[in-house]
Amino acid sequence: MLSLTRRLLPAVQSARAFSVTSLSRNASASASKSVDLLEGEQLIYQKLTDKFEPSQLQVQDVSGGCGSFYAITISSQAFKGLPIVKQHKLVTETLKKEIEGIHGLQIKTIAQ
């Protein structure tokens, strides 16, 4: 296992840094939105922003830039009082079309 880690570590260190976008209720969306988002990250970010008006939203392509796996953290009033399973279902229903073309999705929802 150690030899595998030694072989893979240089490749991991040279990989593109993940794009992270946070939106704060107190900051303007245009000022806090990263221009470094990949096309898939931008699409997911916009759909979730339109649907949930989040106070915090992070979208990361954790597949190294190929768009096959995304990690999403979203905080919204829309999740208040709902079980986590229902919160995640709302997110996946919003991204139904995008999910068809990817292999994995990690979702963290935060109710306000």
N, C-alpha and C. Protein backbone atom coordinates (compact mmCIF):
# COMPACT_ATOMS: atom_id res chain seq x y z
N MET A 1 0.83 -1.19 0.00
CA MET A 1 0.00 0.00 0.00
C MET A 1 0.87 1.25 0.00
N LEU A 2 1.95 1.22 0.78
CA LEU A 2 2.83 2.38 0.86
C LEU A 2 3.48 2.68 -0.49
N SER A 3 3.87 1.64 -1.21
CA SER A 3 4.49 1.86 -2.52
C SER A 3 3.48 2.44 -3.50
N LEU A 4 2.22 2.04 -3.41
CA LEU A 4 1.17 2.60 -4.26
C LEU A 4 0.99 4.08 -3.96
N THR A 5 0.99 4.43 -2.69
CA THR A 5 0.86 5.83 -2.29
C THR A 5 2.02 6.65 -2.82
N ARG A 6 3.22 6.13 -2.75
CA ARG A 6 4.40 6.85 -3.25
C ARG A 6 4.32 7.07 -4.75
N ARG A 7 3.77 6.09 -5.47
CA ARG A 7 3.66 6.23 -6.93
C ARG A 7 2.58 7.22 -7.31
N LEU A 8 1.48 7.25 -6.57
CA LEU A 8 0.35 8.11 -6.92
C LEU A 8 0.49 9.54 -6.40
N LEU A 9 1.24 9.75 -5.36
CA LEU A 9 1.34 11.07 -4.74
C LEU A 9 1.78 12.15 -5.73
N PRO A 10 2.81 11.95 -6.57
CA PRO A 10 3.18 13.00 -7.51
C PRO A 10 2.05 13.35 -8.48
N ALA A 11 1.28 12.37 -8.92
CA ALA A 11 0.18 12.64 -9.84
C ALA A 11 -0.91 13.45 -9.15
N VAL A 12 -1.19 13.13 -7.89
CA VAL A 12 -2.21 13.86 -7.14
C VAL A 12 -1.77 15.29 -6.90
N GLN A 13 -0.51 15.50 -6.58
CA GLN A 13 -0.02 16.83 -6.30
C GLN A 13 -0.03 17.72 -7.53
N SER A 14 0.10 17.14 -8.72
CA SER A 14 0.11 17.94 -9.94
C SER A 14 -1.28 18.16 -10.52
N ALA A 15 -2.30 17.54 -9.94
CA ALA A 15 -3.67 17.68 -10.45
C ALA A 15 -4.19 19.09 -10.23
N ARG A 16 -5.17 19.47 -11.05
CA ARG A 16 -5.80 20.79 -10.96
C ARG A 16 -6.46 20.95 -9.59
N ALA A 17 -6.28 22.11 -9.01
CA ALA A 17 -6.95 22.40 -7.74
C ALA A 17 -8.45 22.44 -8.00
N PHE A 18 -9.24 21.93 -7.06
CA PHE A 18 -10.67 21.91 -7.22
C PHE A 18 -11.24 23.32 -7.22
N SER A 19 -12.25 23.53 -8.04
CA SER A 19 -12.95 24.81 -8.06
C SER A 19 -13.95 24.82 -6.92
N VAL A 20 -13.95 25.86 -6.17
CA VAL A 20 -14.88 25.99 -5.05
C VAL A 20 -15.54 27.35 -5.16
N THR A 21 -16.83 27.36 -5.06
CA THR A 21 -17.57 28.61 -5.11
C THR A 21 -18.44 28.68 -3.87
N SER A 22 -18.34 29.76 -3.15
CA SER A 22 -19.20 29.97 -1.99
C SER A 22 -20.02 31.22 -2.24
N LEU A 23 -21.24 31.18 -1.81
CA LEU A 23 -22.11 32.32 -1.93
C LEU A 23 -22.61 32.67 -0.54
N SER A 24 -22.37 33.86 -0.11
CA SER A 24 -22.84 34.30 1.19
C SER A 24 -24.00 35.25 1.01
N ARG A 25 -25.01 35.15 1.86
CA ARG A 25 -26.17 36.02 1.78
C ARG A 25 -25.76 37.50 1.86
N ASN A 26 -24.68 37.79 2.58
CA ASN A 26 -24.26 39.17 2.79
C ASN A 26 -23.37 39.70 1.67
N ALA A 27 -22.93 38.85 0.79
CA ALA A 27 -22.07 39.29 -0.32
C ALA A 27 -22.84 39.19 -1.62
N SER A 28 -22.52 40.04 -2.56
CA SER A 28 -23.20 39.97 -3.84
C SER A 28 -22.76 38.72 -4.59
N ALA A 29 -23.67 38.13 -5.34
CA ALA A 29 -23.37 36.89 -6.05
C ALA A 29 -22.26 37.09 -7.07
N SER A 30 -22.26 38.20 -7.76
CA SER A 30 -21.25 38.41 -8.79
C SER A 30 -19.87 38.61 -8.20
N ALA A 31 -19.79 39.17 -7.01
CA ALA A 31 -18.48 39.41 -6.38
C ALA A 31 -17.89 38.13 -5.82
N SER A 32 -18.73 37.20 -5.36
CA SER A 32 -18.21 36.00 -4.71
C SER A 32 -18.10 34.81 -5.65
N LYS A 33 -18.67 34.90 -6.81
CA LYS A 33 -18.67 33.77 -7.74
C LYS A 33 -17.32 33.66 -8.42
N SER A 34 -16.76 32.47 -8.40
CA SER A 34 -15.44 32.25 -8.99
C SER A 34 -15.55 32.16 -10.49
N VAL A 35 -14.62 32.79 -11.19
CA VAL A 35 -14.58 32.71 -12.65
C VAL A 35 -13.84 31.47 -13.10
N ASP A 36 -13.26 30.71 -12.17
CA ASP A 36 -12.49 29.52 -12.49
C ASP A 36 -13.34 28.26 -12.56
N LEU A 37 -14.65 28.38 -12.45
CA LEU A 37 -15.51 27.20 -12.48
C LEU A 37 -15.50 26.57 -13.87
N LEU A 38 -15.50 25.26 -13.89
CA LEU A 38 -15.63 24.53 -15.14
C LEU A 38 -17.08 24.61 -15.62
N GLU A 39 -17.32 24.27 -16.86
CA GLU A 39 -18.66 24.36 -17.44
C GLU A 39 -19.69 23.57 -16.63
N GLY A 40 -19.37 22.34 -16.27
CA GLY A 40 -20.29 21.52 -15.48
C GLY A 40 -20.56 22.11 -14.11
N GLU A 41 -19.52 22.66 -13.48
CA GLU A 41 -19.68 23.29 -12.17
C GLU A 41 -20.59 24.52 -12.28
N GLN A 42 -20.41 25.29 -13.34
CA GLN A 42 -21.23 26.49 -13.54
C GLN A 42 -22.70 26.12 -13.72
N LEU A 43 -22.96 25.08 -14.50
CA LEU A 43 -24.34 24.65 -14.75
C LEU A 43 -25.02 24.20 -13.46
N ILE A 44 -24.33 23.37 -12.70
CA ILE A 44 -24.88 22.89 -11.42
C ILE A 44 -25.07 24.06 -10.46
N TYR A 45 -24.09 24.93 -10.38
CA TYR A 45 -24.16 26.10 -9.49
C TYR A 45 -25.40 26.94 -9.82
N GLN A 46 -25.60 27.23 -11.10
CA GLN A 46 -26.72 28.08 -11.52
C GLN A 46 -28.06 27.43 -11.23
N LYS A 47 -28.20 26.14 -11.53
CA LYS A 47 -29.47 25.45 -11.28
C LYS A 47 -29.81 25.43 -9.80
N LEU A 48 -28.83 25.15 -8.96
CA LEU A 48 -29.09 25.11 -7.51
C LEU A 48 -29.37 26.50 -6.95
N THR A 49 -28.69 27.50 -7.47
CA THR A 49 -28.93 28.88 -7.03
C THR A 49 -30.34 29.32 -7.40
N ASP A 50 -30.76 29.03 -8.62
CA ASP A 50 -32.11 29.41 -9.06
C ASP A 50 -33.19 28.72 -8.24
N LYS A 51 -32.99 27.46 -7.90
CA LYS A 51 -34.02 26.67 -7.21
C LYS A 51 -34.07 26.95 -5.70
N PHE A 52 -32.90 27.05 -5.05
CA PHE A 52 -32.87 27.06 -3.58
C PHE A 52 -32.45 28.39 -2.95
N GLU A 53 -31.98 29.36 -3.72
CA GLU A 53 -31.49 30.63 -3.17
C GLU A 53 -30.61 30.37 -1.94
N PRO A 54 -29.53 29.63 -2.10
CA PRO A 54 -28.73 29.21 -0.94
C PRO A 54 -27.94 30.35 -0.30
N SER A 55 -27.71 30.22 0.99
CA SER A 55 -26.83 31.16 1.69
C SER A 55 -25.38 30.70 1.54
N GLN A 56 -25.18 29.42 1.26
CA GLN A 56 -23.85 28.88 1.00
C GLN A 56 -23.99 27.80 -0.06
N LEU A 57 -23.09 27.83 -1.04
CA LEU A 57 -23.10 26.81 -2.08
C LEU A 57 -21.68 26.57 -2.55
N GLN A 58 -21.28 25.31 -2.51
CA GLN A 58 -19.97 24.91 -3.01
C GLN A 58 -20.19 23.78 -4.00
N VAL A 59 -19.61 23.93 -5.17
CA VAL A 59 -19.68 22.90 -6.20
C VAL A 59 -18.25 22.59 -6.60
N GLN A 60 -17.87 21.32 -6.50
CA GLN A 60 -16.51 20.90 -6.83
C GLN A 60 -16.55 19.72 -7.79
N ASP A 61 -15.79 19.83 -8.87
CA ASP A 61 -15.57 18.68 -9.74
C ASP A 61 -14.40 17.92 -9.12
N VAL A 62 -14.70 16.84 -8.41
CA VAL A 62 -13.66 16.08 -7.70
C VAL A 62 -13.13 14.92 -8.53
N SER A 63 -13.43 14.94 -9.83
CA SER A 63 -12.93 13.91 -10.72
C SER A 63 -11.65 14.35 -11.42
N GLY A 64 -11.11 15.48 -11.01
CA GLY A 64 -9.89 15.97 -11.63
C GLY A 64 -10.15 16.81 -12.87
N GLY A 65 -11.38 17.23 -13.07
CA GLY A 65 -11.69 18.11 -14.19
C GLY A 65 -12.44 17.46 -15.33
N CYS A 66 -12.69 16.16 -15.26
CA CYS A 66 -13.37 15.49 -16.38
C CYS A 66 -14.89 15.55 -16.27
N GLY A 67 -15.42 15.98 -15.13
CA GLY A 67 -16.86 16.15 -14.98
C GLY A 67 -17.63 14.88 -14.68
N SER A 68 -16.96 13.87 -14.14
CA SER A 68 -17.67 12.62 -13.87
C SER A 68 -18.10 12.45 -12.41
N PHE A 69 -17.61 13.31 -11.52
CA PHE A 69 -17.97 13.20 -10.10
C PHE A 69 -17.95 14.60 -9.48
N TYR A 70 -19.03 14.97 -8.81
CA TYR A 70 -19.15 16.29 -8.19
C TYR A 70 -19.45 16.16 -6.70
N ALA A 71 -18.91 17.09 -5.94
CA ALA A 71 -19.22 17.23 -4.52
C ALA A 71 -19.95 18.56 -4.35
N ILE A 72 -21.10 18.52 -3.71
CA ILE A 72 -21.92 19.71 -3.53
C ILE A 72 -22.22 19.89 -2.05
N THR A 73 -22.02 21.11 -1.57
CA THR A 73 -22.45 21.51 -0.23
C THR A 73 -23.37 22.69 -0.41
N ILE A 74 -24.58 22.58 0.12
CA ILE A 74 -25.57 23.63 -0.06
C ILE A 74 -26.33 23.88 1.24
N SER A 75 -26.51 25.15 1.58
CA SER A 75 -27.25 25.55 2.76
C SER A 75 -28.41 26.44 2.32
N SER A 76 -29.63 26.07 2.74
CA SER A 76 -30.80 26.81 2.27
C SER A 76 -31.96 26.71 3.26
N GLN A 77 -32.80 27.72 3.23
CA GLN A 77 -34.05 27.73 4.02
C GLN A 77 -35.00 26.64 3.52
N ALA A 78 -34.87 26.27 2.25
CA ALA A 78 -35.77 25.28 1.66
C ALA A 78 -35.67 23.92 2.34
N PHE A 79 -34.58 23.66 3.05
CA PHE A 79 -34.37 22.37 3.70
C PHE A 79 -34.86 22.34 5.15
N LYS A 80 -35.28 23.47 5.65
CA LYS A 80 -35.68 23.57 7.06
C LYS A 80 -36.86 22.63 7.36
N GLY A 81 -36.66 21.79 8.40
CA GLY A 81 -37.69 20.88 8.85
C GLY A 81 -37.81 19.58 8.05
N LEU A 82 -36.97 19.43 7.02
CA LEU A 82 -37.03 18.22 6.19
C LEU A 82 -35.95 17.22 6.61
N PRO A 83 -36.25 15.93 6.53
CA PRO A 83 -35.22 14.93 6.79
C PRO A 83 -34.13 15.02 5.72
N ILE A 84 -32.94 14.56 6.05
CA ILE A 84 -31.80 14.64 5.13
C ILE A 84 -32.11 13.93 3.81
N VAL A 85 -32.78 12.79 3.87
CA VAL A 85 -33.11 12.05 2.65
C VAL A 85 -33.96 12.92 1.71
N LYS A 86 -34.94 13.62 2.26
CA LYS A 86 -35.80 14.50 1.46
C LYS A 86 -35.00 15.68 0.92
N GLN A 87 -34.09 16.24 1.72
CA GLN A 87 -33.24 17.35 1.26
C GLN A 87 -32.42 16.91 0.05
N HIS A 88 -31.81 15.73 0.15
CA HIS A 88 -30.98 15.22 -0.94
C HIS A 88 -31.83 14.91 -2.17
N LYS A 89 -33.04 14.43 -1.95
CA LYS A 89 -33.93 14.14 -3.07
C LYS A 89 -34.29 15.42 -3.82
N LEU A 90 -34.50 16.51 -3.10
CA LEU A 90 -34.78 17.80 -3.75
C LEU A 90 -33.62 18.23 -4.64
N VAL A 91 -32.40 18.04 -4.14
CA VAL A 91 -31.21 18.40 -4.92
C VAL A 91 -31.09 17.51 -6.15
N THR A 92 -31.24 16.20 -5.97
CA THR A 92 -31.08 15.29 -7.11
C THR A 92 -32.19 15.48 -8.15
N GLU A 93 -33.40 15.81 -7.71
CA GLU A 93 -34.48 16.09 -8.66
C GLU A 93 -34.17 17.35 -9.47
N THR A 94 -33.57 18.34 -8.83
CA THR A 94 -33.20 19.58 -9.52
C THR A 94 -32.12 19.30 -10.56
N LEU A 95 -31.23 18.38 -10.27
CA LEU A 95 -30.11 18.07 -11.16
C LEU A 95 -30.34 16.79 -11.97
N LYS A 96 -31.58 16.37 -12.12
CA LYS A 96 -31.89 15.09 -12.76
C LYS A 96 -31.22 14.94 -14.13
N LYS A 97 -31.32 15.94 -14.96
CA LYS A 97 -30.74 15.88 -16.30
C LYS A 97 -29.21 15.78 -16.25
N GLU A 98 -28.58 16.54 -15.36
CA GLU A 98 -27.12 16.54 -15.24
C GLU A 98 -26.61 15.22 -14.67
N ILE A 99 -27.37 14.62 -13.77
CA ILE A 99 -26.96 13.37 -13.13
C ILE A 99 -26.87 12.24 -14.16
N GLU A 100 -27.67 12.30 -15.20
CA GLU A 100 -27.63 11.26 -16.23
C GLU A 100 -26.25 11.13 -16.86
N GLY A 101 -25.50 12.22 -16.92
CA GLY A 101 -24.22 12.20 -17.60
C GLY A 101 -23.00 12.07 -16.70
N ILE A 102 -23.21 11.87 -15.39
CA ILE A 102 -22.07 11.76 -14.48
C ILE A 102 -22.10 10.42 -13.75
N HIS A 103 -20.98 10.07 -13.15
CA HIS A 103 -20.87 8.78 -12.47
C HIS A 103 -21.11 8.86 -10.97
N GLY A 104 -20.89 10.02 -10.38
CA GLY A 104 -21.05 10.12 -8.93
C GLY A 104 -21.38 11.52 -8.47
N LEU A 105 -22.08 11.57 -7.36
CA LEU A 105 -22.50 12.84 -6.79
C LEU A 105 -22.47 12.72 -5.27
N GLN A 106 -21.75 13.62 -4.63
CA GLN A 106 -21.71 13.66 -3.16
C GLN A 106 -22.45 14.93 -2.75
N ILE A 107 -23.46 14.78 -1.90
CA ILE A 107 -24.30 15.92 -1.50
C ILE A 107 -24.25 16.09 0.00
N LYS A 108 -24.03 17.33 0.42
CA LYS A 108 -24.16 17.70 1.83
C LYS A 108 -25.12 18.88 1.88
N THR A 109 -26.25 18.68 2.55
CA THR A 109 -27.22 19.75 2.69
C THR A 109 -27.23 20.26 4.12
N ILE A 110 -27.48 21.55 4.26
CA ILE A 110 -27.54 22.19 5.57
C ILE A 110 -28.82 22.99 5.64
N ALA A 111 -29.68 22.64 6.58
CA ALA A 111 -30.92 23.38 6.77
C ALA A 111 -30.66 24.61 7.61
N GLN A 112 -31.28 25.70 7.26
CA GLN A 112 -31.10 26.94 8.03
C GLN A 112 -32.25 27.16 8.97
